Amino acid sequence: MRKGTNLLWGLFFLLAGAAIVVGQFIDLQVNLFHIIISVFLLICALGNITNRNWVLVIMPIAYVVWMNRTVLGISEYISFWPLMWAGGFATVGLYIIFRKDYNYKRRYTRTFDHHGRNESGDATDDVVELSTTMSGSSQYLYSTNLQRVKISCTLGSLQVYFDQAIPSENGTVVDINCELGSVELYLPREWNIINNMSATLGGVDETRKHSNLSAEERKHTVTIQGNVTLGSVDIIYI
């Protein structure tokens, strides 16, 4: 799958470069730059359908429509911000309708390069900063004294696994800023999770939260705080 994707992107950039050179000798009646960017965004959108990363499906398509509004004959009927807002609402709706089937088995489907390193990235520090923009990423935490995790996700998706980490004695604080994206937190069900998240035109969900332990009996305390705007944050107990 990755080889096919690399081939597709390789062909795109080769053809884009060739088109720019040829365009210097031919009087084209269309905006070549718009065509190249439109194809680029559409490839991004198609590539994210299978993993249900809806923000990277809907928003690129919405921008392609805006860029080509004159060609489509809709320039008199559409404005930029209403179109972006419509795309944002559509993204949230798709995340709600097509809920992912959370399967912890995918926790073990890590990929490694030829040096044996985890391509998704690991974190062993006590204070961890994770961010993703216009992409998807998986992060595995291994700190033995985890104090704080700062997460920033914009127009992308991020999965963070806490099961190999040990919170500090004073607890762990997870700060999340999610805008037009999707964040998934995988946490042991034996931990005491305090959810202080707020949402603006977005959603914060907790999945599989059941345990016979009381709050006092739980070993570690993790406070999740921050805001999600036009996106989703899922707290998944494993």
C-alpha atoms as a PDB file:
ATOM      1  CA  MET A   1       0.000   0.000   0.000  1.00  0.00           C
ATOM      2  CA  ARG A   2       2.789   2.398   0.897  1.00  0.00           C
ATOM      3  CA  LYS A   3       4.679   1.580  -2.326  1.00  0.00           C
ATOM      4  CA  GLY A   4       1.561   2.327  -4.367  1.00  0.00           C
ATOM      5  CA  THR A   5       1.073   5.612  -2.549  1.00  0.00           C
ATOM      6  CA  ASN A   6       4.693   6.611  -3.077  1.00  0.00           C
ATOM      7  CA  LEU A   7       4.385   5.784  -6.783  1.00  0.00           C
ATOM      8  CA  LEU A   8       1.254   7.919  -7.071  1.00  0.00           C
ATOM      9  CA  TRP A   9       2.892  10.905  -5.371  1.00  0.00           C
ATOM     10  CA  GLY A  10       6.067  10.445  -7.378  1.00  0.00           C
ATOM     11  CA  LEU A  11       4.127  10.504 -10.643  1.00  0.00           C
ATOM     12  CA  PHE A  12       2.181  13.550  -9.504  1.00  0.00           C
ATOM     13  CA  PHE A  13       5.296  15.622  -8.820  1.00  0.00           C
ATOM     14  CA  LEU A  14       6.979  14.469 -12.027  1.00  0.00           C
ATOM     15  CA  LEU A  15       3.934  15.423 -14.090  1.00  0.00           C
ATOM     16  CA  ALA A  16       3.515  18.694 -12.185  1.00  0.00           C
ATOM     17  CA  GLY A  17       7.116  19.641 -12.919  1.00  0.00           C
ATOM     18  CA  ALA A  18       6.738  18.691 -16.584  1.00  0.00           C
ATOM     19  CA  ALA A  19       3.491  20.675 -16.857  1.00  0.00           C
ATOM     20  CA  ILE A  20       5.162  23.810 -15.478  1.00  0.00           C
ATOM     21  CA  VAL A  21       7.971  23.541 -18.041  1.00  0.00           C
ATOM     22  CA  VAL A  22       5.616  22.832 -20.953  1.00  0.00           C
ATOM     23  CA  GLY A  23       3.366  25.669 -19.822  1.00  0.00           C
ATOM     24  CA  GLN A  24       6.145  28.126 -20.580  1.00  0.00           C
ATOM     25  CA  PHE A  25       5.918  27.262 -24.292  1.00  0.00           C
ATOM     26  CA  ILE A  26       2.154  26.888 -24.654  1.00  0.00           C
ATOM     27  CA  ASP A  27      -0.452  29.584 -24.171  1.00  0.00           C
ATOM     28  CA  LEU A  28      -2.833  27.786 -21.839  1.00  0.00           C
ATOM     29  CA  GLN A  29      -6.340  29.078 -21.313  1.00  0.00           C
ATOM     30  CA  VAL A  30      -6.494  27.734 -17.758  1.00  0.00           C
ATOM     31  CA  ASN A  31      -4.663  28.522 -14.523  1.00  0.00           C
ATOM     32  CA  LEU A  32      -2.004  25.812 -14.378  1.00  0.00           C
ATOM     33  CA  PHE A  33      -1.222  26.533 -10.731  1.00  0.00           C
ATOM     34  CA  HIS A  34      -4.862  25.964  -9.779  1.00  0.00           C
ATOM     35  CA  ILE A  35      -4.908  22.658 -11.641  1.00  0.00           C
ATOM     36  CA  ILE A  36      -1.763  21.390  -9.892  1.00  0.00           C
ATOM     37  CA  ILE A  37      -2.970  22.406  -6.424  1.00  0.00           C
ATOM     38  CA  SER A  38      -6.439  20.979  -7.110  1.00  0.00           C
ATOM     39  CA  VAL A  39      -5.034  17.603  -8.136  1.00  0.00           C
ATOM     40  CA  PHE A  40      -2.736  17.624  -5.100  1.00  0.00           C
ATOM     41  CA  LEU A  41      -5.639  18.268  -2.719  1.00  0.00           C
ATOM     42  CA  LEU A  42      -7.864  15.680  -4.370  1.00  0.00           C
ATOM     43  CA  ILE A  43      -5.161  13.026  -4.030  1.00  0.00           C
ATOM     44  CA  CYS A  44      -4.877  13.945  -0.335  1.00  0.00           C
ATOM     45  CA  ALA A  45      -8.638  13.596   0.046  1.00  0.00           C
ATOM     46  CA  LEU A  46      -8.796  10.217  -1.701  1.00  0.00           C
ATOM     47  CA  GLY A  47      -5.881   8.886   0.319  1.00  0.00           C
ATOM     48  CA  ASN A  48      -7.666   9.610   3.606  1.00  0.00           C
ATOM     49  CA  ILE A  49     -11.021   7.992   2.821  1.00  0.00           C
ATOM     50  CA  THR A  50      -9.949   4.473   3.777  1.00  0.00           C
ATOM     51  CA  ASN A  51      -8.769   5.457   7.283  1.00  0.00           C
ATOM     52  CA  ARG A  52     -11.798   7.738   7.794  1.00  0.00           C
ATOM     53  CA  ASN A  53      -9.741  10.841   8.398  1.00  0.00           C
ATOM     54  CA  TRP A  54     -12.682  12.988   7.352  1.00  0.00           C
ATOM     55  CA  VAL A  55     -11.119  16.364   8.009  1.00  0.00           C
ATOM     56  CA  LEU A  56      -8.501  15.589   5.347  1.00  0.00           C
ATOM     57  CA  VAL A  57     -11.226  14.413   2.994  1.00  0.00           C
ATOM     58  CA  ILE A  58     -13.804  17.189   3.230  1.00  0.00           C
ATOM     59  CA  MET A  59     -11.650  20.287   3.727  1.00  0.00           C
ATOM     60  CA  PRO A  60      -9.367  19.704   0.700  1.00  0.00           C
ATOM     61  CA  ILE A  61     -12.433  19.128  -1.470  1.00  0.00           C
ATOM     62  CA  ALA A  62     -14.033  22.300  -0.134  1.00  0.00           C
ATOM     63  CA  TYR A  63     -10.905  24.288  -0.987  1.00  0.00           C
ATOM     64  CA  VAL A  64     -10.775  22.781  -4.482  1.00  0.00           C
ATOM     65  CA  VAL A  65     -14.357  23.928  -5.019  1.00  0.00           C
ATOM     66  CA  TRP A  66     -13.422  27.432  -3.874  1.00  0.00           C
ATOM     67  CA  MET A  67     -10.347  27.611  -6.098  1.00  0.00           C
ATOM     68  CA  ASN A  68     -12.318  26.507  -9.136  1.00  0.00           C
ATOM     69  CA  ARG A  69     -15.548  28.382  -8.423  1.00  0.00           C
ATOM     70  CA  THR A  70     -15.290  30.396 -11.647  1.00  0.00           C
ATOM     71  CA  VAL A  71     -14.767  27.308 -13.790  1.00  0.00           C
ATOM     72  CA  LEU A  72     -17.673  25.608 -12.025  1.00  0.00           C
ATOM     73  CA  GLY A  73     -19.858  28.662 -12.597  1.00  0.00           C
ATOM     74  CA  ILE A  74     -20.723  29.146  -8.929  1.00  0.00           C
ATOM     75  CA  SER A  75     -18.664  32.236  -8.088  1.00  0.00           C
ATOM     76  CA  GLU A  76     -21.825  34.339  -7.698  1.00  0.00           C
ATOM     77  CA  TYR A  77     -23.437  31.926  -5.278  1.00  0.00           C
ATOM     78  CA  ILE A  78     -20.676  30.964  -2.884  1.00  0.00           C
ATOM     79  CA  SER A  79     -18.376  32.701  -0.382  1.00  0.00           C
ATOM     80  CA  PHE A  80     -15.192  31.418   1.209  1.00  0.00           C
ATOM     81  CA  TRP A  81     -16.100  31.325   4.895  1.00  0.00           C
ATOM     82  CA  PRO A  82     -19.600  29.845   4.495  1.00  0.00           C
ATOM     83  CA  LEU A  83     -18.019  27.117   2.363  1.00  0.00           C
ATOM     84  CA  MET A  84     -15.333  26.412   4.999  1.00  0.00           C
ATOM     85  CA  TRP A  85     -17.940  26.351   7.765  1.00  0.00           C
ATOM     86  CA  ALA A  86     -20.055  23.962   5.722  1.00  0.00           C
ATOM     87  CA  GLY A  87     -17.013  21.729   5.293  1.00  0.00           C
ATOM     88  CA  GLY A  88     -16.340  21.859   9.033  1.00  0.00           C
ATOM     89  CA  PHE A  89     -19.906  20.844   9.902  1.00  0.00           C
ATOM     90  CA  ALA A  90     -19.801  18.060   7.310  1.00  0.00           C
ATOM     91  CA  THR A  91     -16.549  16.811   8.833  1.00  0.00           C
ATOM     92  CA  VAL A  92     -18.028  16.633  12.332  1.00  0.00           C
ATOM     93  CA  GLY A  93     -21.126  14.901  10.963  1.00  0.00           C
ATOM     94  CA  LEU A  94     -19.065  12.222   9.235  1.00  0.00           C
ATOM     95  CA  TYR A  95     -17.001  11.614  12.373  1.00  0.00           C
ATOM     96  CA  ILE A  96     -20.238  11.100  14.317  1.00  0.00           C
ATOM     97  CA  ILE A  97     -21.904   8.837  11.714  1.00  0.00           C
ATOM     98  CA  PHE A  98     -18.890   6.715  10.815  1.00  0.00           C
ATOM     99  CA  ARG A  99     -17.555   5.975  14.249  1.00  0.00           C
ATOM    100  CA  LYS A 100     -14.304   4.035  14.121  1.00  0.00           C
ATOM    101  CA  ASP A 101     -14.361   0.448  15.310  1.00  0.00           C
ATOM    102  CA  TYR A 102     -11.747   0.697  18.038  1.00  0.00           C
ATOM    103  CA  ASN A 103      -9.703  -2.451  18.052  1.00  0.00           C
ATOM    104  CA  TYR A 104      -6.771  -2.551  20.421  1.00  0.00           C
ATOM    105  CA  LYS A 105      -5.115  -5.173  18.236  1.00  0.00           C
ATOM    106  CA  ARG A 106      -3.952  -2.415  15.930  1.00  0.00           C
ATOM    107  CA  ARG A 107      -1.737  -1.328  18.872  1.00  0.00           C
ATOM    108  CA  TYR A 108       0.631  -4.068  17.771  1.00  0.00           C
ATOM    109  CA  THR A 109       0.729  -3.188  14.091  1.00  0.00           C
ATOM    110  CA  ARG A 110       3.724  -0.879  14.376  1.00  0.00           C
ATOM    111  CA  THR A 111       5.985  -0.432  11.382  1.00  0.00           C
ATOM    112  CA  PHE A 112       9.747  -0.234  11.577  1.00  0.00           C
ATOM    113  CA  ASP A 113      12.367   1.067   9.193  1.00  0.00           C
ATOM    114  CA  HIS A 114      15.509  -0.836   8.236  1.00  0.00           C
ATOM    115  CA  HIS A 115      17.258   0.384  11.412  1.00  0.00           C
ATOM    116  CA  GLY A 116      14.516  -1.074  13.604  1.00  0.00           C
ATOM    117  CA  ARG A 117      13.170   2.324  14.683  1.00  0.00           C
ATOM    118  CA  ASN A 118       9.483   2.889  15.158  1.00  0.00           C
ATOM    119  CA  GLU A 119       8.385   5.145  12.302  1.00  0.00           C
ATOM    120  CA  SER A 120       5.413   6.453  14.273  1.00  0.00           C
ATOM    121  CA  GLY A 121       7.665   7.941  16.938  1.00  0.00           C
ATOM    122  CA  ASP A 122       8.179   7.242  20.640  1.00  0.00           C
ATOM    123  CA  ALA A 123       8.388   9.526  23.645  1.00  0.00           C
ATOM    124  CA  THR A 124      10.297   8.779  26.841  1.00  0.00           C
ATOM    125  CA  ASP A 125      10.548  12.272  28.383  1.00  0.00           C
ATOM    126  CA  ASP A 126       8.615  13.323  31.470  1.00  0.00           C
ATOM    127  CA  VAL A 127       7.146  16.295  29.584  1.00  0.00           C
ATOM    128  CA  VAL A 128       6.096  15.428  26.037  1.00  0.00           C
ATOM    129  CA  GLU A 129       4.948  17.708  23.226  1.00  0.00           C
ATOM    130  CA  LEU A 130       3.116  16.117  20.298  1.00  0.00           C
ATOM    131  CA  SER A 131       1.787  17.932  17.246  1.00  0.00           C
ATOM    132  CA  THR A 132       0.478  17.099  13.804  1.00  0.00           C
ATOM    133  CA  THR A 133      -0.766  19.302  10.971  1.00  0.00           C
ATOM    134  CA  MET A 134      -2.313  18.060   7.737  1.00  0.00           C
ATOM    135  CA  SER A 135      -1.191  14.490   8.478  1.00  0.00           C
ATOM    136  CA  GLY A 136      -1.811  11.417  10.585  1.00  0.00           C
ATOM    137  CA  SER A 137       0.458  10.109  13.336  1.00  0.00           C
ATOM    138  CA  SER A 138       0.641   7.523  16.120  1.00  0.00           C
ATOM    139  CA  GLN A 139       2.682   8.134  19.266  1.00  0.00           C
ATOM    140  CA  TYR A 140       3.648   5.651  21.995  1.00  0.00           C
ATOM    141  CA  LEU A 141       4.673   7.009  25.394  1.00  0.00           C
ATOM    142  CA  TYR A 142       7.288   5.194  27.507  1.00  0.00           C
ATOM    143  CA  SER A 143       8.071   7.678  30.288  1.00  0.00           C
ATOM    144  CA  THR A 144       8.401   6.213  33.796  1.00  0.00           C
ATOM    145  CA  ASN A 145       7.520   9.561  35.403  1.00  0.00           C
ATOM    146  CA  LEU A 146       5.071  11.139  32.976  1.00  0.00           C
ATOM    147  CA  GLN A 147       4.113  14.615  34.193  1.00  0.00           C
ATOM    148  CA  ARG A 148       2.584  16.468  31.259  1.00  0.00           C
ATOM    149  CA  VAL A 149       1.619  15.784  27.645  1.00  0.00           C
ATOM    150  CA  LYS A 150       0.933  18.698  25.312  1.00  0.00           C
ATOM    151  CA  ILE A 151      -1.021  17.767  22.199  1.00  0.00           C
ATOM    152  CA  SER A 152      -1.696  19.995  19.212  1.00  0.00           C
ATOM    153  CA  CYS A 153      -3.678  18.650  16.255  1.00  0.00           C
ATOM    154  CA  THR A 154      -4.757  20.815  13.321  1.00  0.00           C
ATOM    155  CA  LEU A 155      -6.324  19.381  10.174  1.00  0.00           C
ATOM    156  CA  GLY A 156      -5.019  15.926  10.966  1.00  0.00           C
ATOM    157  CA  SER A 157      -5.330  12.864  13.178  1.00  0.00           C
ATOM    158  CA  LEU A 158      -3.257  11.748  16.157  1.00  0.00           C
ATOM    159  CA  GLN A 159      -3.374   8.556  18.215  1.00  0.00           C
ATOM    160  CA  VAL A 160      -1.546   8.548  21.568  1.00  0.00           C
ATOM    161  CA  TYR A 161      -0.968   5.324  23.553  1.00  0.00           C
ATOM    162  CA  PHE A 162      -0.360   5.654  27.308  1.00  0.00           C
ATOM    163  CA  ASP A 163      -0.343   1.986  28.329  1.00  0.00           C
ATOM    164  CA  GLN A 164       3.478   1.710  28.406  1.00  0.00           C
ATOM    165  CA  ALA A 165       3.926   4.914  30.442  1.00  0.00           C
ATOM    166  CA  ILE A 166       3.827   5.458  34.208  1.00  0.00           C
ATOM    167  CA  PRO A 167       2.314   8.732  35.488  1.00  0.00           C
ATOM    168  CA  SER A 168       4.194  10.696  38.133  1.00  0.00           C
ATOM    169  CA  GLU A 169       3.169  10.456  41.782  1.00  0.00           C
ATOM    170  CA  ASN A 170       1.461  13.850  41.479  1.00  0.00           C
ATOM    171  CA  GLY A 171      -0.482  12.717  38.430  1.00  0.00           C
ATOM    172  CA  THR A 172      -0.301  13.555  34.741  1.00  0.00           C
ATOM    173  CA  VAL A 173      -1.858  16.504  32.919  1.00  0.00           C
ATOM    174  CA  VAL A 174      -2.772  16.159  29.243  1.00  0.00           C
ATOM    175  CA  ASP A 175      -3.297  19.478  27.452  1.00  0.00           C
ATOM    176  CA  ILE A 176      -5.101  19.192  24.120  1.00  0.00           C
ATOM    177  CA  ASN A 177      -5.694  21.772  21.424  1.00  0.00           C
ATOM    178  CA  CYS A 178      -7.574  20.142  18.555  1.00  0.00           C
ATOM    179  CA  GLU A 179      -8.851  22.190  15.613  1.00  0.00           C
ATOM    180  CA  LEU A 180     -10.508  20.487  12.644  1.00  0.00           C
ATOM    181  CA  GLY A 181      -8.822  17.246  13.604  1.00  0.00           C
ATOM    182  CA  SER A 182      -9.149  13.963  15.438  1.00  0.00           C
ATOM    183  CA  VAL A 183      -7.297  12.932  18.608  1.00  0.00           C
ATOM    184  CA  GLU A 184      -7.535   9.450  20.147  1.00  0.00           C
ATOM    185  CA  LEU A 185      -6.132   8.741  23.619  1.00  0.00           C
ATOM    186  CA  TYR A 186      -5.639   5.098  24.630  1.00  0.00           C
ATOM    187  CA  LEU A 187      -5.520   4.836  28.435  1.00  0.00           C
ATOM    188  CA  PRO A 188      -5.518   1.895  30.878  1.00  0.00           C
ATOM    189  CA  ARG A 189      -8.930   1.447  32.443  1.00  0.00           C
ATOM    190  CA  GLU A 190      -7.350   1.085  35.907  1.00  0.00           C
ATOM    191  CA  TRP A 191      -6.318   4.745  35.906  1.00  0.00           C
ATOM    192  CA  ASN A 192      -8.367   7.559  37.398  1.00  0.00           C
ATOM    193  CA  ILE A 193      -9.197   9.803  34.424  1.00  0.00           C
ATOM    194  CA  ILE A 194     -10.506  13.326  35.044  1.00  0.00           C
ATOM    195  CA  ASN A 195     -12.064  14.711  31.885  1.00  0.00           C
ATOM    196  CA  ASN A 196     -12.079  18.529  31.832  1.00  0.00           C
ATOM    197  CA  MET A 197     -12.239  18.905  28.063  1.00  0.00           C
ATOM    198  CA  SER A 198     -14.469  21.520  26.438  1.00  0.00           C
ATOM    199  CA  ALA A 199     -15.797  21.412  22.895  1.00  0.00           C
ATOM    200  CA  THR A 200     -16.848  24.083  20.418  1.00  0.00           C
ATOM    201  CA  LEU A 201     -18.801  22.573  17.527  1.00  0.00           C
ATOM    202  CA  GLY A 202     -16.947  19.339  18.231  1.00  0.00           C
ATOM    203  CA  GLY A 203     -17.184  16.211  20.320  1.00  0.00           C
ATOM    204  CA  VAL A 204     -15.448  14.572  23.299  1.00  0.00           C
ATOM    205  CA  ASP A 205     -16.319  10.905  23.817  1.00  0.00           C
ATOM    206  CA  GLU A 206     -15.252   8.197  26.258  1.00  0.00           C
ATOM    207  CA  THR A 207     -15.284   4.594  25.026  1.00  0.00           C
ATOM    208  CA  ARG A 208     -15.285   1.346  27.005  1.00  0.00           C
ATOM    209  CA  LYS A 209     -15.183   3.012  30.398  1.00  0.00           C
ATOM    210  CA  HIS A 210     -16.032   0.261  32.854  1.00  0.00           C
ATOM    211  CA  SER A 211     -14.159  -1.028  35.872  1.00  0.00           C
ATOM    212  CA  ASN A 212     -15.022  -2.299  39.312  1.00  0.00           C
ATOM    213  CA  LEU A 213     -12.423  -0.057  40.937  1.00  0.00           C
ATOM    214  CA  SER A 214     -13.459   3.095  42.762  1.00  0.00           C
ATOM    215  CA  ALA A 215     -11.709   6.417  42.161  1.00  0.00           C
ATOM    216  CA  GLU A 216      -9.728   5.951  45.402  1.00  0.00           C
ATOM    217  CA  GLU A 217      -8.553   2.474  44.377  1.00  0.00           C
ATOM    218  CA  ARG A 218      -7.196   3.510  41.007  1.00  0.00           C
ATOM    219  CA  LYS A 219      -3.407   3.637  40.801  1.00  0.00           C
ATOM    220  CA  HIS A 220      -2.773   6.788  38.782  1.00  0.00           C
ATOM    221  CA  THR A 221      -4.557  10.064  38.094  1.00  0.00           C
ATOM    222  CA  VAL A 222      -4.601  11.680  34.660  1.00  0.00           C
ATOM    223  CA  THR A 223      -6.306  15.026  34.047  1.00  0.00           C
ATOM    224  CA  ILE A 224      -7.319  15.730  30.458  1.00  0.00           C
ATOM    225  CA  GLN A 225      -8.001  19.362  29.641  1.00  0.00           C
ATOM    226  CA  GLY A 226      -8.149  21.711  26.676  1.00  0.00           C
ATOM    227  CA  ASN A 227     -10.489  22.458  23.822  1.00  0.00           C
ATOM    228  CA  VAL A 228     -11.624  20.827  20.609  1.00  0.00           C
ATOM    229  CA  THR A 229     -13.035  22.972  17.808  1.00  0.00           C
ATOM    230  CA  LEU A 230     -14.777  21.425  14.791  1.00  0.00           C
ATOM    231  CA  GLY A 231     -13.147  18.096  15.545  1.00  0.00           C
ATOM    232  CA  SER A 232     -13.237  15.139  17.903  1.00  0.00           C
ATOM    233  CA  VAL A 233     -11.352  13.806  20.925  1.00  0.00           C
ATOM    234  CA  ASP A 234     -11.899  10.159  21.878  1.00  0.00           C
ATOM    235  CA  ILE A 235     -10.785   8.768  25.225  1.00  0.00           C
ATOM    236  CA  ILE A 236     -10.537   5.013  24.813  1.00  0.00           C
ATOM    237  CA  TYR A 237     -10.028   2.731  27.811  1.00  0.00           C
ATOM    238  CA  ILE A 238      -8.011  -0.440  27.203  1.00  0.00           C
END
